[in-house]
Each structure stands twice: as C-alpha cells, then as structure tokens.
PDB file of N, CA and C in Angstrom:
ATOM      1  N   MET A   1       0.809  -1.279  -0.229  1.00  0.00           N
ATOM      2  CA  MET A   1      -0.128  -0.164   0.053  1.00  0.00           C
ATOM      3  C   MET A   1       1.015   1.384  -0.043  1.00  0.00           C
ATOM      4  N   ALA A   2       1.755   1.058   0.793  1.00  0.00           N
ATOM      5  CA  ALA A   2       2.732   2.279   0.778  1.00  0.00           C
ATOM      6  C   ALA A   2       3.275   2.596  -0.532  1.00  0.00           C
ATOM      7  N   PHE A   3       3.673   1.611  -1.336  1.00  0.00           N
ATOM      8  CA  PHE A   3       4.686   1.881  -2.662  1.00  0.00           C
ATOM      9  C   PHE A   3       3.570   2.376  -3.495  1.00  0.00           C
ATOM     10  N   GLU A   4       2.117   2.051  -3.404  1.00  0.00           N
ATOM     11  CA  GLU A   4       1.097   2.788  -4.210  1.00  0.00           C
ATOM     12  C   GLU A   4       0.973   4.321  -3.928  1.00  0.00           C
ATOM     13  N   VAL A   5       1.213   4.560  -2.738  1.00  0.00           N
ATOM     14  CA  VAL A   5       1.112   6.050  -2.283  1.00  0.00           C
ATOM     15  C   VAL A   5       2.107   6.735  -2.631  1.00  0.00           C
ATOM     16  N   ASN A   6       3.360   6.096  -2.732  1.00  0.00           N
ATOM     17  CA  ASN A   6       4.405   6.698  -3.361  1.00  0.00           C
ATOM     18  C   ASN A   6       4.378   6.949  -4.479  1.00  0.00           C
ATOM     19  N   LEU A   7       4.267   5.898  -5.482  1.00  0.00           N
ATOM     20  CA  LEU A   7       3.813   6.029  -6.829  1.00  0.00           C
ATOM     21  C   LEU A   7       2.865   7.472  -7.328  1.00  0.00           C
ATOM     22  N   THR A   8       1.680   7.486  -6.360  1.00  0.00           N
ATOM     23  CA  THR A   8       0.763   8.391  -6.672  1.00  0.00           C
ATOM     24  C   THR A   8       1.489   9.864  -6.451  1.00  0.00           C
ATOM     25  N   GLU A   9       2.219   9.645  -5.533  1.00  0.00           N
ATOM     26  CA  GLU A   9       2.751  11.127  -4.778  1.00  0.00           C
ATOM     27  C   GLU A   9       3.899  11.405  -5.955  1.00  0.00           C
ATOM     28  N   ASN A  10       4.870  10.626  -6.552  1.00  0.00           N
ATOM     29  CA  ASN A  10       5.737  10.639  -7.645  1.00  0.00           C
ATOM     30  C   ASN A  10       4.910  11.283  -8.742  1.00  0.00           C
ATOM     31  N   ASN A  11       3.684  10.649  -9.044  1.00  0.00           N
ATOM     32  CA  ASN A  11       2.852  11.151 -10.173  1.00  0.00           C
ATOM     33  C   ASN A  11       2.627  12.692  -9.973  1.00  0.00           C
ATOM     34  N   TYR A  12       2.197  12.947  -8.937  1.00  0.00           N
ATOM     35  CA  TYR A  12       1.609  14.053  -8.544  1.00  0.00           C
ATOM     36  C   TYR A  12       2.450  15.264  -8.791  1.00  0.00           C
ATOM     37  N   PHE A  13       3.863  15.052  -8.070  1.00  0.00           N
ATOM     38  CA  PHE A  13       4.807  16.060  -8.285  1.00  0.00           C
ATOM     39  C   PHE A  13       5.371  16.013  -9.898  1.00  0.00           C
ATOM     40  N   CYS A  14       5.274  14.646 -10.410  1.00  0.00           N
ATOM     41  CA  CYS A  14       5.668  14.841 -12.071  1.00  0.00           C
ATOM     42  C   CYS A  14       4.702  15.895 -12.815  1.00  0.00           C
ATOM     43  N   THR A  15       3.533  15.616 -12.491  1.00  0.00           N
ATOM     44  CA  THR A  15       2.363  16.284 -13.226  1.00  0.00           C
ATOM     45  C   THR A  15       2.671  17.639 -12.905  1.00  0.00           C
ATOM     46  N   ASN A  16       2.653  18.176 -11.509  1.00  0.00           N
ATOM     47  CA  ASN A  16       2.593  19.364 -11.250  1.00  0.00           C
ATOM     48  C   ASN A  16       4.379  20.085 -11.754  1.00  0.00           C
ATOM     49  N   ALA A  17       5.291  19.362 -11.761  1.00  0.00           N
ATOM     50  CA  ALA A  17       6.472  20.096 -12.738  1.00  0.00           C
ATOM     51  C   ALA A  17       6.186  20.101 -14.099  1.00  0.00           C
ATOM     52  N   LYS A  18       5.414  19.170 -14.504  1.00  0.00           N
ATOM     53  CA  LYS A  18       5.243  19.516 -16.200  1.00  0.00           C
ATOM     54  C   LYS A  18       4.326  20.774 -16.368  1.00  0.00           C
ATOM     55  N   LYS A  19       3.305  20.516 -15.571  1.00  0.00           N
ATOM     56  CA  LYS A  19       2.281  22.012 -15.341  1.00  0.00           C
ATOM     57  C   LYS A  19       3.182  23.186 -15.551  1.00  0.00           C
ATOM     58  N   MET A  20       4.178  23.257 -14.523  1.00  0.00           N
ATOM     59  CA  MET A  20       4.853  24.538 -14.115  1.00  0.00           C
ATOM     60  C   MET A  20       5.794  24.835 -15.558  1.00  0.00           C
ATOM     61  N   ILE A  21       6.385  23.634 -16.259  1.00  0.00           N
ATOM     62  CA  ILE A  21       7.159  23.947 -17.490  1.00  0.00           C
ATOM     63  C   ILE A  21       6.291  24.645 -18.278  1.00  0.00           C
ATOM     64  N   MET A  22       4.847  23.853 -18.631  1.00  0.00           N
ATOM     65  CA  MET A  22       4.226  24.435 -19.443  1.00  0.00           C
ATOM     66  C   MET A  22       3.674  25.697 -19.217  1.00  0.00           C
ATOM     67  N   ASN A  23       3.565  26.230 -17.995  1.00  0.00           N
ATOM     68  CA  ASN A  23       3.171  27.432 -17.791  1.00  0.00           C
ATOM     69  C   ASN A  23       4.440  28.624 -17.994  1.00  0.00           C
ATOM     70  N   LYS A  24       5.350  28.140 -17.709  1.00  0.00           N
ATOM     71  CA  LYS A  24       6.449  29.025 -18.070  1.00  0.00           C
ATOM     72  C   LYS A  24       6.674  29.121 -19.499  1.00  0.00           C
ATOM     73  N   LYS A  25       6.450  28.229 -20.020  1.00  0.00           N
ATOM     74  CA  LYS A  25       6.827  28.277 -21.728  1.00  0.00           C
ATOM     75  C   LYS A  25       5.698  29.055 -22.279  1.00  0.00           C
ATOM     76  N   LEU A  26       4.326  28.953 -21.951  1.00  0.00           N
ATOM     77  CA  LEU A  26       3.210  29.952 -22.108  1.00  0.00           C
ATOM     78  C   LEU A  26       3.431  31.093 -21.860  1.00  0.00           C
ATOM     79  N   GLN A  27       3.961  31.453 -20.752  1.00  0.00           N
ATOM     80  CA  GLN A  27       4.231  32.731 -20.003  1.00  0.00           C
ATOM     81  C   GLN A  27       5.272  33.278 -20.966  1.00  0.00           C
ATOM     82  N   ASN A  28       6.429  32.619 -21.267  1.00  0.00           N
ATOM     83  CA  ASN A  28       7.232  33.624 -22.469  1.00  0.00           C
ATOM     84  C   ASN A  28       6.872  33.547 -23.459  1.00  0.00           C
ATOM     85  N   ARG A  29       5.869  32.739 -24.086  1.00  0.00           N
ATOM     86  CA  ARG A  29       5.407  33.181 -25.356  1.00  0.00           C
ATOM     87  C   ARG A  29       4.415  34.411 -25.238  1.00  0.00           C
ATOM     88  N   ILE A  30       3.631  34.345 -24.635  1.00  0.00           N
ATOM     89  CA  ILE A  30       2.804  35.623 -24.088  1.00  0.00           C
ATOM     90  C   ILE A  30       3.594  36.983 -23.909  1.00  0.00           C
ATOM     91  N   THR A  31       4.738  37.011 -23.300  1.00  0.00           N
ATOM     92  CA  THR A  31       5.384  38.088 -23.018  1.00  0.00           C
ATOM     93  C   THR A  31       6.090  38.461 -24.167  1.00  0.00           C
ATOM     94  N   TYR A  32       6.672  37.322 -25.094  1.00  0.00           N
ATOM     95  CA  TYR A  32       7.233  37.793 -26.364  1.00  0.00           C
ATOM     96  C   TYR A  32       6.377  38.353 -27.369  1.00  0.00           C
ATOM     97  N   MET A  33       4.919  38.008 -27.101  1.00  0.00           N
ATOM     98  CA  MET A  33       4.355  38.592 -28.296  1.00  0.00           C
ATOM     99  C   MET A  33       3.748  40.009 -27.756  1.00  0.00           C
ATOM    100  N   ILE A  34       3.631  40.197 -26.509  1.00  0.00           N
ATOM    101  CA  ILE A  34       3.390  41.627 -26.032  1.00  0.00           C
ATOM    102  C   ILE A  34       4.782  42.320 -26.306  1.00  0.00           C
ATOM    103  N   TYR A  35       5.751  42.196 -26.166  1.00  0.00           N
ATOM    104  CA  TYR A  35       7.109  42.925 -26.628  1.00  0.00           C
ATOM    105  C   TYR A  35       6.837  43.288 -28.237  1.00  0.00           C
ATOM    106  N   CYS A  36       6.322  42.320 -28.940  1.00  0.00           N
ATOM    107  CA  CYS A  36       6.246  42.491 -30.324  1.00  0.00           C
ATOM    108  C   CYS A  36       5.171  43.616 -30.615  1.00  0.00           C
ATOM    109  N   ILE A  37       4.028  43.170 -30.049  1.00  0.00           N
ATOM    110  CA  ILE A  37       2.862  44.230 -30.256  1.00  0.00           C
ATOM    111  C   ILE A  37       3.267  45.519 -29.954  1.00  0.00           C
ATOM    112  N   ASN A  38       3.947  46.016 -28.622  1.00  0.00           N
ATOM    113  CA  ASN A  38       4.348  47.192 -28.474  1.00  0.00           C
ATOM    114  C   ASN A  38       5.463  47.487 -29.039  1.00  0.00           C
ATOM    115  N   ALA A  39       6.290  47.133 -29.800  1.00  0.00           N
ATOM    116  CA  ALA A  39       7.170  47.430 -30.948  1.00  0.00           C
ATOM    117  C   ALA A  39       6.628  47.653 -32.043  1.00  0.00           C
ATOM    118  N   PHE A  40       5.780  47.153 -32.485  1.00  0.00           N
ATOM    119  CA  PHE A  40       5.136  47.243 -33.637  1.00  0.00           C
ATOM    120  C   PHE A  40       4.137  48.572 -33.505  1.00  0.00           C
ATOM    121  N   ALA A  41       3.606  48.910 -32.370  1.00  0.00           N
ATOM    122  CA  ALA A  41       2.943  50.244 -32.151  1.00  0.00           C
ATOM    123  C   ALA A  41       3.834  51.205 -32.194  1.00  0.00           C
ATOM    124  N   GLU A  42       5.010  51.209 -31.592  1.00  0.00           N
ATOM    125  CA  GLU A  42       5.883  52.181 -31.455  1.00  0.00           C
ATOM    126  C   GLU A  42       6.677  52.525 -32.826  1.00  0.00           C
ATOM    127  N   ARG A  43       6.959  51.423 -33.524  1.00  0.00           N
ATOM    128  CA  ARG A  43       7.306  51.881 -35.184  1.00  0.00           C
ATOM    129  C   ARG A  43       6.180  52.660 -35.736  1.00  0.00           C
ATOM    130  N   TYR A  44       5.197  52.407 -35.964  1.00  0.00           N
ATOM    131  CA  TYR A  44       4.085  52.731 -36.630  1.00  0.00           C
ATOM    132  C   TYR A  44       3.072  54.016 -35.911  1.00  0.00           C
ATOM    133  N   HIS A  45       3.752  54.231 -34.566  1.00  0.00           N
ATOM    134  CA  HIS A  45       2.650  55.552 -33.981  1.00  0.00           C
ATOM    135  C   HIS A  45       1.475  55.015 -33.719  1.00  0.00           C
ATOM    136  N   LEU A  46       1.303  54.052 -33.217  1.00  0.00           N
ATOM    137  CA  LEU A  46      -0.111  53.417 -32.679  1.00  0.00           C
ATOM    138  C   LEU A  46      -0.019  53.140 -31.425  1.00  0.00           C
ATOM    139  N   ASN A  47      -1.185  53.130 -30.466  1.00  0.00           N
ATOM    140  CA  ASN A  47      -1.637  52.751 -29.282  1.00  0.00           C
ATOM    141  C   ASN A  47      -1.525  51.051 -29.222  1.00  0.00           C
ATOM    142  N   SER A  48      -1.002  50.223 -28.137  1.00  0.00           N
ATOM    143  CA  SER A  48      -1.074  48.818 -28.146  1.00  0.00           C
ATOM    144  C   SER A  48      -2.283  48.355 -28.410  1.00  0.00           C
ATOM    145  N   LYS A  49      -3.423  48.945 -28.199  1.00  0.00           N
ATOM    146  CA  LYS A  49      -4.676  48.483 -28.418  1.00  0.00           C
ATOM    147  C   LYS A  49      -4.701  48.370 -30.348  1.00  0.00           C
ATOM    148  N   GLN A  50      -4.274  49.531 -30.595  1.00  0.00           N
ATOM    149  CA  GLN A  50      -4.683  49.619 -32.255  1.00  0.00           C
ATOM    150  C   GLN A  50      -3.869  48.794 -32.955  1.00  0.00           C
ATOM    151  N   ALA A  51      -2.480  48.514 -32.361  1.00  0.00           N
ATOM    152  CA  ALA A  51      -1.275  47.639 -33.186  1.00  0.00           C
ATOM    153  C   ALA A  51      -1.966  46.284 -32.783  1.00  0.00           C
ATOM    154  N   PHE A  52      -2.345  45.822 -31.516  1.00  0.00           N
ATOM    155  CA  PHE A  52      -3.245  44.350 -31.532  1.00  0.00           C
ATOM    156  C   PHE A  52      -4.197  44.239 -32.269  1.00  0.00           C
ATOM    157  N   ALA A  53      -5.329  45.152 -32.604  1.00  0.00           N
ATOM    158  CA  ALA A  53      -6.413  45.033 -33.608  1.00  0.00           C
ATOM    159  C   ALA A  53      -5.797  44.553 -34.991  1.00  0.00           C
ATOM    160  N   TYR A  54      -4.570  45.575 -35.601  1.00  0.00           N
ATOM    161  CA  TYR A  54      -4.247  45.530 -36.883  1.00  0.00           C
ATOM    162  C   TYR A  54      -3.457  44.438 -36.751  1.00  0.00           C
ATOM    163  N   LEU A  55      -2.665  43.765 -36.032  1.00  0.00           N
ATOM    164  CA  LEU A  55      -2.001  42.488 -36.316  1.00  0.00           C
ATOM    165  C   LEU A  55      -2.857  41.458 -36.255  1.00  0.00           C
ATOM    166  N   ASN A  56      -4.047  41.409 -35.468  1.00  0.00           N
ATOM    167  CA  ASN A  56      -4.963  40.515 -35.359  1.00  0.00           C
ATOM    168  C   ASN A  56      -6.060  40.523 -36.658  1.00  0.00           C
ATOM    169  N   ARG A  57      -6.078  41.313 -37.114  1.00  0.00           N
ATOM    170  CA  ARG A  57      -7.152  41.479 -38.264  1.00  0.00           C
ATOM    171  C   ARG A  57      -6.340  40.968 -39.520  1.00  0.00           C
ATOM    172  N   PHE A  58      -4.890  41.305 -39.515  1.00  0.00           N
ATOM    173  CA  PHE A  58      -4.040  40.971 -40.895  1.00  0.00           C
ATOM    174  C   PHE A  58      -2.969  39.883 -40.656  1.00  0.00           C
ATOM    175  N   LYS A  59      -3.479  38.984 -39.638  1.00  0.00           N
ATOM    176  CA  LYS A  59      -2.832  37.712 -39.247  1.00  0.00           C
ATOM    177  C   LYS A  59      -1.522  37.917 -38.683  1.00  0.00           C
ATOM    178  N   GLY A  60      -1.210  38.951 -37.976  1.00  0.00           N
ATOM    179  CA  GLY A  60       0.306  39.046 -37.654  1.00  0.00           C
ATOM    180  C   GLY A  60       0.491  38.259 -36.301  1.00  0.00           C
ATOM    181  N   ILE A  61      -1.024  38.336 -35.220  1.00  0.00           N
ATOM    182  CA  ILE A  61      -0.853  37.525 -34.431  1.00  0.00           C
ATOM    183  C   ILE A  61      -1.034  36.002 -34.375  1.00  0.00           C
ATOM    184  N   ALA A  62      -1.390  35.551 -35.436  1.00  0.00           N
ATOM    185  CA  ALA A  62      -1.358  34.267 -35.760  1.00  0.00           C
ATOM    186  C   ALA A  62      -0.120  33.695 -36.140  1.00  0.00           C
ATOM    187  N   PHE A  63       0.631  34.668 -37.058  1.00  0.00           N
ATOM    188  CA  PHE A  63       2.044  34.298 -37.359  1.00  0.00           C
ATOM    189  C   PHE A  63       2.926  34.361 -36.339  1.00  0.00           C
ATOM    190  N   LEU A  64       2.777  35.244 -35.025  1.00  0.00           N
ATOM    191  CA  LEU A  64       3.722  35.351 -33.990  1.00  0.00           C
ATOM    192  C   LEU A  64       3.562  33.844 -33.400  1.00  0.00           C
ATOM    193  N   ASP A  65       2.272  33.463 -33.140  1.00  0.00           N
ATOM    194  CA  ASP A  65       2.083  32.144 -32.299  1.00  0.00           C
ATOM    195  C   ASP A  65       2.645  31.137 -33.272  1.00  0.00           C
ATOM    196  N   GLU A  66       2.221  30.694 -34.366  1.00  0.00           N
ATOM    197  CA  GLU A  66       2.837  29.749 -35.215  1.00  0.00           C
ATOM    198  C   GLU A  66       4.233  29.831 -35.176  1.00  0.00           C
ATOM    199  N   CYS A  67       4.734  30.694 -35.526  1.00  0.00           N
ATOM    200  CA  CYS A  67       6.320  30.879 -35.466  1.00  0.00           C
ATOM    201  C   CYS A  67       7.138  31.024 -34.522  1.00  0.00           C
ATOM    202  N   TYR A  68       6.616  31.079 -33.539  1.00  0.00           N
ATOM    203  CA  TYR A  68       7.219  31.597 -32.137  1.00  0.00           C
ATOM    204  C   TYR A  68       8.552  30.774 -32.279  1.00  0.00           C
ATOM    205  N   GLU A  69       8.731  29.579 -32.136  1.00  0.00           N
ATOM    206  CA  GLU A  69      10.096  29.071 -31.910  1.00  0.00           C
ATOM    207  C   GLU A  69      11.147  29.821 -32.867  1.00  0.00           C
ATOM    208  N   ALA A  70      10.717  30.399 -33.935  1.00  0.00           N
ATOM    209  CA  ALA A  70      11.834  30.664 -35.132  1.00  0.00           C
ATOM    210  C   ALA A  70      12.061  32.147 -34.525  1.00  0.00           C
ATOM    211  N   GLU A  71      10.689  32.919 -34.585  1.00  0.00           N
ATOM    212  CA  GLU A  71      10.814  34.220 -34.223  1.00  0.00           C
ATOM    213  C   GLU A  71      11.421  34.874 -33.054  1.00  0.00           C
ATOM    214  N   HIS A  72      11.331  34.296 -31.993  1.00  0.00           N
ATOM    215  CA  HIS A  72      11.707  34.604 -30.570  1.00  0.00           C
ATOM    216  C   HIS A  72      13.197  34.413 -30.586  1.00  0.00           C
ATOM    217  N   GLN A  73      13.912  33.983 -31.899  1.00  0.00           N
ATOM    218  CA  GLN A  73      15.203  33.897 -31.653  1.00  0.00           C
ATOM    219  C   GLN A  73      16.061  35.134 -32.405  1.00  0.00           C
ATOM    220  N   LEU A  74      15.157  35.678 -33.224  1.00  0.00           N
ATOM    221  CA  LEU A  74      15.339  36.939 -33.877  1.00  0.00           C
ATOM    222  C   LEU A  74      15.337  38.428 -32.937  1.00  0.00           C
ATOM    223  N   SER A  75      15.906  39.363 -33.643  1.00  0.00           N
ATOM    224  CA  SER A  75      15.768  40.565 -32.710  1.00  0.00           C
ATOM    225  C   SER A  75      14.373  41.051 -33.003  1.00  0.00           C
ATOM    226  N   LEU A  76      14.077  42.011 -32.130  1.00  0.00           N
ATOM    227  CA  LEU A  76      12.679  42.598 -31.927  1.00  0.00           C
ATOM    228  C   LEU A  76      12.426  43.144 -33.242  1.00  0.00           C
ATOM    229  N   ASN A  77      13.353  43.966 -33.923  1.00  0.00           N
ATOM    230  CA  ASN A  77      13.297  44.702 -34.982  1.00  0.00           C
ATOM    231  C   ASN A  77      13.082  43.692 -36.000  1.00  0.00           C
ATOM    232  N   ASP A  78      13.699  42.704 -36.202  1.00  0.00           N
ATOM    233  CA  ASP A  78      13.456  41.624 -37.389  1.00  0.00           C
ATOM    234  C   ASP A  78      11.959  41.168 -37.172  1.00  0.00           C
ATOM    235  N   ALA A  79      11.563  40.746 -36.174  1.00  0.00           N
ATOM    236  CA  ALA A  79      10.060  40.310 -35.923  1.00  0.00           C
ATOM    237  C   ALA A  79       9.338  41.584 -36.326  1.00  0.00           C
ATOM    238  N   VAL A  80       9.435  42.723 -35.854  1.00  0.00           N
ATOM    239  CA  VAL A  80       8.452  43.736 -36.490  1.00  0.00           C
ATOM    240  C   VAL A  80       8.460  43.690 -38.046  1.00  0.00           C
ATOM    241  N   ASN A  81       9.707  43.451 -38.676  1.00  0.00           N
ATOM    242  CA  ASN A  81       9.776  43.561 -39.917  1.00  0.00           C
ATOM    243  C   ASN A  81       8.757  42.653 -40.669  1.00  0.00           C
ATOM    244  N   ASP A  82       9.089  41.263 -39.988  1.00  0.00           N
ATOM    245  CA  ASP A  82       8.439  40.279 -40.336  1.00  0.00           C
ATOM    246  C   ASP A  82       6.716  40.232 -40.109  1.00  0.00           C
ATOM    247  N   LEU A  83       6.376  41.075 -39.179  1.00  0.00           N
ATOM    248  CA  LEU A  83       5.250  41.172 -39.006  1.00  0.00           C
ATOM    249  C   LEU A  83       4.513  42.061 -39.991  1.00  0.00           C
ATOM    250  N   THR A  84       5.315  43.221 -40.350  1.00  0.00           N
ATOM    251  CA  THR A  84       4.826  44.121 -41.402  1.00  0.00           C
ATOM    252  C   THR A  84       4.892  43.637 -42.749  1.00  0.00           C
ATOM    253  N   VAL A  85       5.567  42.632 -43.098  1.00  0.00           N
ATOM    254  CA  VAL A  85       5.517  41.740 -44.517  1.00  0.00           C
ATOM    255  C   VAL A  85       4.258  41.040 -44.423  1.00  0.00           C
ATOM    256  N   ILE A  86       4.006  40.022 -43.161  1.00  0.00           N
ATOM    257  CA  ILE A  86       2.803  39.285 -43.308  1.00  0.00           C
ATOM    258  C   ILE A  86       1.616  39.860 -43.306  1.00  0.00           C
ATOM    259  N   CYS A  87       1.574  41.256 -42.698  1.00  0.00           N
ATOM    260  CA  CYS A  87       0.076  41.844 -42.445  1.00  0.00           C
ATOM    261  C   CYS A  87       0.027  42.507 -43.920  1.00  0.00           C
ATOM    262  N   LYS A  88       1.142  42.809 -44.872  1.00  0.00           N
ATOM    263  CA  LYS A  88       0.828  43.321 -46.074  1.00  0.00           C
ATOM    264  C   LYS A  88       0.496  42.460 -46.831  1.00  0.00           C
ATOM    265  N   ARG A  89       0.954  41.202 -46.854  1.00  0.00           N
ATOM    266  CA  ARG A  89       0.389  40.053 -47.653  1.00  0.00           C
ATOM    267  C   ARG A  89      -0.869  39.675 -47.346  1.00  0.00           C
ATOM    268  N   ASN A  90      -1.515  40.090 -46.212  1.00  0.00           N
ATOM    269  CA  ASN A  90      -3.098  39.667 -45.944  1.00  0.00           C
ATOM    270  C   ASN A  90      -3.865  41.084 -46.064  1.00  0.00           C
ATOM    271  N   GLY A  91      -3.222  41.751 -46.678  1.00  0.00           N
ATOM    272  CA  GLY A  91      -4.435  43.044 -46.830  1.00  0.00           C
ATOM    273  C   GLY A  91      -3.963  44.362 -46.023  1.00  0.00           C
ATOM    274  N   GLY A  92      -3.051  43.990 -45.264  1.00  0.00           N
ATOM    275  CA  GLY A  92      -2.701  45.741 -44.594  1.00  0.00           C
ATOM    276  C   GLY A  92      -1.930  46.535 -45.147  1.00  0.00           C
ATOM    277  N   GLY A  93      -1.973  47.810 -44.503  1.00  0.00           N
ATOM    278  CA  GLY A  93      -1.668  48.872 -45.645  1.00  0.00           C
ATOM    279  C   GLY A  93      -0.371  49.362 -44.929  1.00  0.00           C
ATOM    280  N   LEU A  94       0.051  49.268 -43.787  1.00  0.00           N
ATOM    281  CA  LEU A  94       1.231  49.916 -43.214  1.00  0.00           C
ATOM    282  C   LEU A  94       2.363  49.225 -43.996  1.00  0.00           C
ATOM    283  N   GLU A  95       3.382  50.178 -44.168  1.00  0.00           N
ATOM    284  CA  GLU A  95       4.867  49.595 -44.766  1.00  0.00           C
ATOM    285  C   GLU A  95       5.759  50.288 -43.859  1.00  0.00           C
TER     286      GLU A  95
END
C-alpha cells in the first residue's frame, strides 16, 4: 500500500512539474508577443490596442503564435519587419 501512495505522490509531483514548465513556456510566449505588439505600435505610432487590432486582423498575431520558435530567436526589429510583411500580404496597409 505504501508503494502505491509513493507512486501516486511521484506522479502528482511529476504532473505538477510538467504543468509548471508548460506554464512558464506559455508565459514566455505571451511575454514575447506583447513585446512584439508594443514594438510594432511604437514603429507605426499606434497605441498598443490599435497595434493588436491591426495585427490580429491581418494575421500577424497568428504568425507570431505559429512561428514563435523561430521568431523569438530573432531581434525585435526583425520580428516587426516580419510582422509588417505578413500583414501586408494579408491586406494590411502599413509599410
């Protein structure tokens, strides 16, 4: 019986550790996306709400989410350049 309890406790701690790691990864992704939105807003003289709406409408947010693994390794300037291109391809007017 004690062995089963230890196994259950170990599973509990492993599950919680995995959740903490996943939460940290998600937090990092969200933080990166916020930095990108704010950098985009600054470049184009928008407030953050306007930048988010534009990026969401013209698929920039989806791009950041889908390509996070590659994009977060680039400079913020490169990320804003990429967002500009993606949004332009999807009907956005900012250059």
